[in-house]
Amino acid sequence: DPRGTYICDAGDKQSSPFQVHYRMCQNCIEVDVPTISGIVVADVVATIFLAVAVYCITGQDKGRMSRGEGRAPLAACGWGW
């Protein structure tokens, strides 16, 4: 970490102290353990919610007939081979 107060020392001469401020990027944020755990918990809850929604939506079509059910097949051949 290069941040801090520095003094240039050249034997018998010393410069006045100067402050160094250093950042890796302009839009950096610190991510700590509670933030990461919150993201993971939210992801798991969203995945479970999505899975339950898909299950409920696909489970409603069990009593209906499909469009092609109960009709004659399209490729029926009447030649009697």
Protein backbone atom coordinates (compact mmCIF):
# COMPACT_ATOMS: atom_id res chain seq x y z
CA ASP A 1 0.00 0.00 0.00
CA PRO A 2 1.85 3.14 -1.18
CA ARG A 3 -0.37 5.60 0.73
CA GLY A 4 1.20 7.64 3.47
CA THR A 5 3.45 10.58 4.30
CA TYR A 6 6.91 10.60 2.73
CA ILE A 7 10.04 12.70 3.26
CA CYS A 8 12.87 12.73 0.74
CA ASP A 9 16.15 12.32 2.62
CA ALA A 10 19.39 13.02 0.69
CA GLY A 11 22.08 12.92 3.34
CA ASP A 12 22.19 16.36 4.95
CA LYS A 13 19.11 17.69 3.08
CA GLN A 14 15.49 16.76 3.78
CA SER A 15 12.42 17.79 1.81
CA SER A 16 9.20 18.85 3.40
CA PRO A 17 6.78 15.97 4.04
CA PHE A 18 4.33 15.17 1.26
CA GLN A 19 1.20 13.05 1.35
CA VAL A 20 0.58 10.25 -1.19
CA HIS A 21 -3.01 9.19 -1.91
CA TYR A 22 -3.39 6.13 -4.12
CA ARG A 23 -6.44 4.41 -5.57
CA MET A 24 -6.53 1.47 -7.94
CA CYS A 25 -9.68 2.62 -9.76
CA GLN A 26 -12.19 5.46 -9.61
CA ASN A 27 -15.34 3.35 -9.03
CA CYS A 28 -13.99 0.77 -6.59
CA ILE A 29 -16.11 -0.47 -3.71
CA GLU A 30 -15.09 -2.67 -0.83
CA VAL A 31 -16.84 -6.01 -0.73
CA ASP A 32 -16.93 -7.61 2.68
CA VAL A 33 -18.28 -10.94 3.96
CA PRO A 34 -21.83 -9.73 4.78
CA THR A 35 -22.19 -8.27 1.28
CA ILE A 36 -21.05 -11.47 -0.40
CA SER A 37 -23.29 -13.61 1.81
CA GLY A 38 -26.25 -11.33 1.06
CA ILE A 39 -25.65 -11.70 -2.67
CA VAL A 40 -25.42 -15.49 -2.36
CA VAL A 41 -28.60 -15.73 -0.25
CA ALA A 42 -30.50 -13.48 -2.68
CA ASP A 43 -29.33 -15.60 -5.61
CA VAL A 44 -30.46 -18.83 -3.93
CA VAL A 45 -33.86 -17.35 -3.03
CA ALA A 46 -34.36 -16.06 -6.59
CA THR A 47 -33.41 -19.46 -8.03
CA ILE A 48 -35.87 -21.28 -5.75
CA PHE A 49 -38.61 -18.77 -6.59
CA LEU A 50 -37.99 -19.23 -10.30
CA ALA A 51 -38.00 -23.03 -9.99
CA VAL A 52 -41.30 -23.00 -8.07
CA ALA A 53 -42.85 -20.63 -10.63
CA VAL A 54 -41.79 -22.86 -13.55
CA TYR A 55 -43.09 -25.93 -11.73
CA CYS A 56 -46.46 -24.29 -11.04
CA ILE A 57 -46.86 -23.01 -14.60
CA THR A 58 -45.99 -26.34 -16.22
CA GLY A 59 -48.10 -28.31 -13.74
CA GLN A 60 -51.33 -26.61 -14.84
CA ASP A 61 -51.41 -28.22 -18.31
CA LYS A 62 -51.81 -31.84 -17.13
CA GLY A 63 -55.60 -32.00 -17.60
CA ARG A 64 -55.74 -30.51 -21.11
CA MET A 65 -55.45 -32.40 -24.36
CA SER A 66 -52.75 -31.32 -26.73
CA ARG A 67 -53.73 -29.95 -30.14
CA GLY A 68 -52.86 -33.11 -32.06
CA GLU A 69 -54.31 -35.57 -29.59
CA GLY A 70 -57.46 -37.38 -30.79
CA ARG A 71 -56.94 -36.60 -34.49
CA ALA A 72 -55.90 -38.86 -37.33
CA PRO A 73 -52.16 -38.93 -37.95
CA LEU A 74 -50.96 -36.64 -40.74
CA ALA A 75 -48.87 -39.30 -42.46
CA ALA A 76 -51.49 -42.06 -42.52
CA CYS A 77 -51.08 -44.30 -45.52
CA GLY A 78 -54.21 -46.04 -46.82
CA TRP A 79 -52.49 -48.44 -49.21
CA GLY A 80 -52.65 -51.39 -46.83
CA TRP A 81 -49.11 -52.66 -47.23
